[in-house]
Amino acid sequence: MKILLFNASPKKTGATQEILLAVKETCPAGTELLCLGDFNIQYCLGCKRCYGTCRCVWQDDMETLLDKIDEADVLVIAAPSYWADVPGQFKVFIDRCTPFSDTNPNPNRRVMSTGKRCYAIALRTGTRPGECQHIIETVEHWCGHMGIDFAGSQYFCQIENKGDIGPRKPAIRAQAAEWFGSSGF
């Protein structure tokens, strides 16, 4: 079983990465952790050429990311709140998933391998959980269009920096163990 931990933040030195490092402690060897900010992804042009070609006109790191997601059996996406929504880089990534998405009407479109499942983790600095719920719903919506089973979520409020994750690591590990415990790891 291959697990991919996906940091949807533009940086890999913050609280989102720290959460995924805690999740990784419960994962089997070979689990990969990547940060979206390490990849070059151009904005979607809305040209819809991928409807005909099933490939984007941009030649950037998007194919690499989609290949990594397709190879994974389990995906954990962690995203911080930026102005009550997902970070811009993550939205650009979502927009660029059209060649794999069921929004692409081409019957020959690329399709993700079946049996894949996804978990979402959201975090924010404020106290209201609504922003986290919105992020989780965004990940769930993306999963639906990508043919990936959305399997669960976890969120954290009042996260100012990665130092705020330390006291929450037991809860993070416990949730991850619950997610992956039923997988036979």
Protein backbone atom coordinates (compact mmCIF):
# COMPACT_ATOMS: atom_id res chain seq x y z
CA MET A 1 0.00 0.00 0.00
CA LYS A 2 1.54 3.30 -1.12
CA ILE A 3 0.70 6.45 0.86
CA LEU A 4 1.29 9.97 -0.43
CA LEU A 5 1.23 12.87 2.03
CA PHE A 6 0.47 16.07 0.13
CA ASN A 7 1.27 19.43 1.72
CA ALA A 8 -1.01 21.88 -0.13
CA SER A 9 0.78 24.85 1.43
CA PRO A 10 3.31 26.85 -0.57
CA LYS A 11 5.95 26.19 2.10
CA LYS A 12 7.35 23.12 3.78
CA THR A 13 8.64 24.73 6.96
CA GLY A 14 5.35 25.53 8.65
CA ALA A 15 2.53 23.98 10.63
CA THR A 16 1.05 22.08 7.68
CA GLN A 17 4.31 20.23 7.13
CA GLU A 18 4.62 19.59 10.88
CA ILE A 19 1.18 17.96 10.90
CA LEU A 20 2.14 15.71 7.98
CA LEU A 21 5.39 14.75 9.69
CA ALA A 22 3.31 13.56 12.66
CA VAL A 23 1.04 11.61 10.29
CA LYS A 24 4.10 10.09 8.63
CA GLU A 25 5.17 8.60 11.98
CA THR A 26 2.16 6.26 11.74
CA CYS A 27 2.76 5.30 8.10
CA PRO A 28 4.70 2.39 6.67
CA ALA A 29 8.17 2.82 5.25
CA GLY A 30 8.15 4.21 1.75
CA THR A 31 5.48 6.82 2.46
CA GLU A 32 6.25 9.93 0.43
CA LEU A 33 5.77 13.49 1.69
CA LEU A 34 5.71 16.27 -0.87
CA CYS A 35 5.07 20.00 -0.71
CA LEU A 36 3.15 21.74 -3.45
CA GLY A 37 5.42 24.77 -3.10
CA ASP A 38 8.34 22.71 -4.40
CA PHE A 39 6.68 22.27 -7.79
CA ASN A 40 6.33 24.62 -10.75
CA ILE A 41 2.68 24.69 -11.78
CA GLN A 42 1.35 27.27 -14.24
CA TYR A 43 -2.14 28.75 -14.06
CA CYS A 44 -4.87 27.03 -16.04
CA LEU A 45 -5.55 29.04 -19.20
CA GLY A 46 -9.12 27.80 -19.51
CA CYS A 47 -8.34 26.95 -23.14
CA LYS A 48 -9.97 23.49 -22.87
CA ARG A 49 -7.42 21.98 -25.26
CA CYS A 50 -7.11 19.14 -22.73
CA TYR A 51 -10.68 18.20 -23.67
CA GLY A 52 -9.37 17.11 -27.05
CA THR A 53 -5.84 16.00 -26.21
CA CYS A 54 -6.33 14.81 -22.60
CA ARG A 55 -3.12 16.71 -21.82
CA CYS A 56 -2.47 20.25 -20.72
CA VAL A 57 -0.69 22.69 -23.01
CA TRP A 58 1.70 23.61 -20.18
CA GLN A 59 4.88 21.60 -19.82
CA ASP A 60 5.58 21.96 -16.11
CA ASP A 61 5.55 19.80 -12.95
CA MET A 62 1.84 19.01 -13.07
CA GLU A 63 2.29 15.70 -14.86
CA THR A 64 4.78 14.62 -12.19
CA LEU A 65 2.31 15.44 -9.42
CA LEU A 66 -0.58 13.70 -11.16
CA ASP A 67 1.59 10.63 -11.73
CA LYS A 68 2.54 10.54 -8.03
CA ILE A 69 -1.12 10.82 -7.02
CA ASP A 70 -2.10 8.13 -9.50
CA GLU A 71 0.58 5.76 -8.13
CA ALA A 72 -0.64 6.21 -4.54
CA ASP A 73 -3.30 4.03 -2.95
CA VAL A 74 -3.91 6.49 -0.12
CA LEU A 75 -3.60 10.25 -0.29
CA VAL A 76 -3.55 12.63 2.68
CA ILE A 77 -3.98 16.28 1.69
CA ALA A 78 -3.24 18.90 4.33
CA ALA A 79 -4.11 22.52 3.60
CA PRO A 80 -3.95 25.69 5.67
CA SER A 81 -6.56 28.43 5.44
CA TYR A 82 -5.53 31.45 3.40
CA TRP A 83 -8.25 34.10 3.63
CA ALA A 84 -10.87 31.49 4.55
CA ASP A 85 -10.00 29.27 1.59
CA VAL A 86 -7.33 26.95 0.24
CA PRO A 87 -3.95 28.47 -0.70
CA GLY A 88 -3.79 29.85 -4.23
CA GLN A 89 -1.22 27.25 -5.30
CA PHE A 90 -3.61 24.47 -4.30
CA LYS A 91 -6.45 26.06 -6.26
CA VAL A 92 -4.17 26.30 -9.31
CA PHE A 93 -3.34 22.59 -8.83
CA ILE A 94 -7.07 21.74 -8.69
CA ASP A 95 -7.75 23.76 -11.85
CA ARG A 96 -4.99 21.90 -13.65
CA CYS A 97 -6.45 18.45 -12.83
CA THR A 98 -8.92 18.66 -15.71
CA PRO A 99 -7.14 16.07 -17.90
CA PHE A 100 -7.91 13.44 -15.18
CA SER A 101 -11.21 14.91 -14.02
CA ASP A 102 -14.71 13.81 -14.89
CA THR A 103 -15.28 17.43 -15.98
CA ASN A 104 -13.26 16.53 -19.09
CA PRO A 105 -15.91 15.23 -21.53
CA ASN A 106 -13.41 13.26 -23.62
CA PRO A 107 -14.15 9.52 -23.21
CA ASN A 108 -10.40 8.90 -23.67
CA ARG A 109 -9.44 11.18 -20.79
CA ARG A 110 -6.84 10.02 -18.34
CA VAL A 111 -8.45 8.36 -15.33
CA MET A 112 -6.94 7.77 -11.90
CA SER A 113 -6.40 4.17 -10.92
CA THR A 114 -9.35 2.77 -9.00
CA GLY A 115 -9.59 1.98 -5.29
CA LYS A 116 -7.76 5.13 -4.23
CA ARG A 117 -8.88 6.95 -1.08
CA CYS A 118 -8.15 10.38 0.34
CA TYR A 119 -8.12 12.01 3.76
CA ALA A 120 -8.12 15.78 4.33
CA ILE A 121 -6.54 17.82 7.08
CA ALA A 122 -7.30 21.52 7.43
CA LEU A 123 -5.84 24.13 9.75
CA ARG A 124 -6.34 27.79 10.48
CA THR A 125 -5.23 30.50 12.89
CA GLY A 126 -8.70 31.57 14.05
CA THR A 127 -11.21 29.89 16.33
CA ARG A 128 -14.12 29.20 13.98
CA PRO A 129 -14.10 25.76 12.38
CA GLY A 130 -16.16 26.86 9.37
CA GLU A 131 -13.07 27.78 7.36
CA CYS A 132 -11.60 24.36 8.02
CA GLN A 133 -14.87 22.72 6.98
CA HIS A 134 -14.75 24.69 3.72
CA ILE A 135 -11.22 23.44 3.00
CA ILE A 136 -12.27 19.88 3.74
CA GLU A 137 -15.29 20.26 1.44
CA THR A 138 -12.99 21.57 -1.30
CA VAL A 139 -10.80 18.46 -1.01
CA GLU A 140 -13.89 16.24 -0.95
CA HIS A 141 -15.27 17.99 -4.05
CA TRP A 142 -11.93 17.51 -5.86
CA CYS A 143 -11.94 13.81 -4.90
CA GLY A 144 -15.42 13.39 -6.36
CA HIS A 145 -14.32 14.75 -9.74
CA MET A 146 -11.12 12.69 -9.69
CA GLY A 147 -12.82 9.37 -8.89
CA ILE A 148 -11.11 9.13 -5.50
CA ASP A 149 -13.01 7.94 -2.43
CA PHE A 150 -13.09 10.63 0.25
CA ALA A 151 -12.54 8.68 3.47
CA GLY A 152 -12.26 11.16 6.33
CA SER A 153 -10.91 14.39 7.72
CA GLN A 154 -9.42 16.19 10.68
CA TYR A 155 -9.03 19.90 11.38
CA PHE A 156 -7.27 22.23 13.78
CA CYS A 157 -8.07 25.80 14.80
CA GLN A 158 -5.83 28.31 16.57
CA ILE A 159 -2.65 27.24 14.80
CA GLU A 160 -0.37 30.27 14.60
CA ASN A 161 2.85 28.41 13.76
CA LYS A 162 4.40 24.96 13.77
CA GLY A 163 5.09 25.23 17.51
CA ASP A 164 1.34 24.94 18.08
CA ILE A 165 1.38 21.44 16.58
CA GLY A 166 3.47 19.82 19.35
CA PRO A 167 0.63 19.47 21.88
CA ARG A 168 -1.67 18.18 19.13
CA LYS A 169 0.65 15.47 17.83
CA PRO A 170 -0.94 12.70 19.94
CA ALA A 171 -4.36 13.49 18.41
CA ILE A 172 -2.85 13.67 14.93
CA ARG A 173 -1.10 10.32 15.35
CA ALA A 174 -4.23 8.73 16.84
CA GLN A 175 -6.39 9.89 13.92
CA ALA A 176 -3.82 8.71 11.37
CA ALA A 177 -3.53 5.33 13.12
CA GLU A 178 -7.31 5.02 12.94
CA TRP A 179 -7.30 5.90 9.24
CA PHE A 180 -4.51 3.52 8.36
CA GLY A 181 -5.22 0.82 10.98
CA SER A 182 -8.11 -0.50 8.92
CA SER A 183 -5.82 -0.70 5.91
CA GLY A 184 -3.75 -3.57 7.18
CA PHE A 185 -0.58 -1.58 7.83
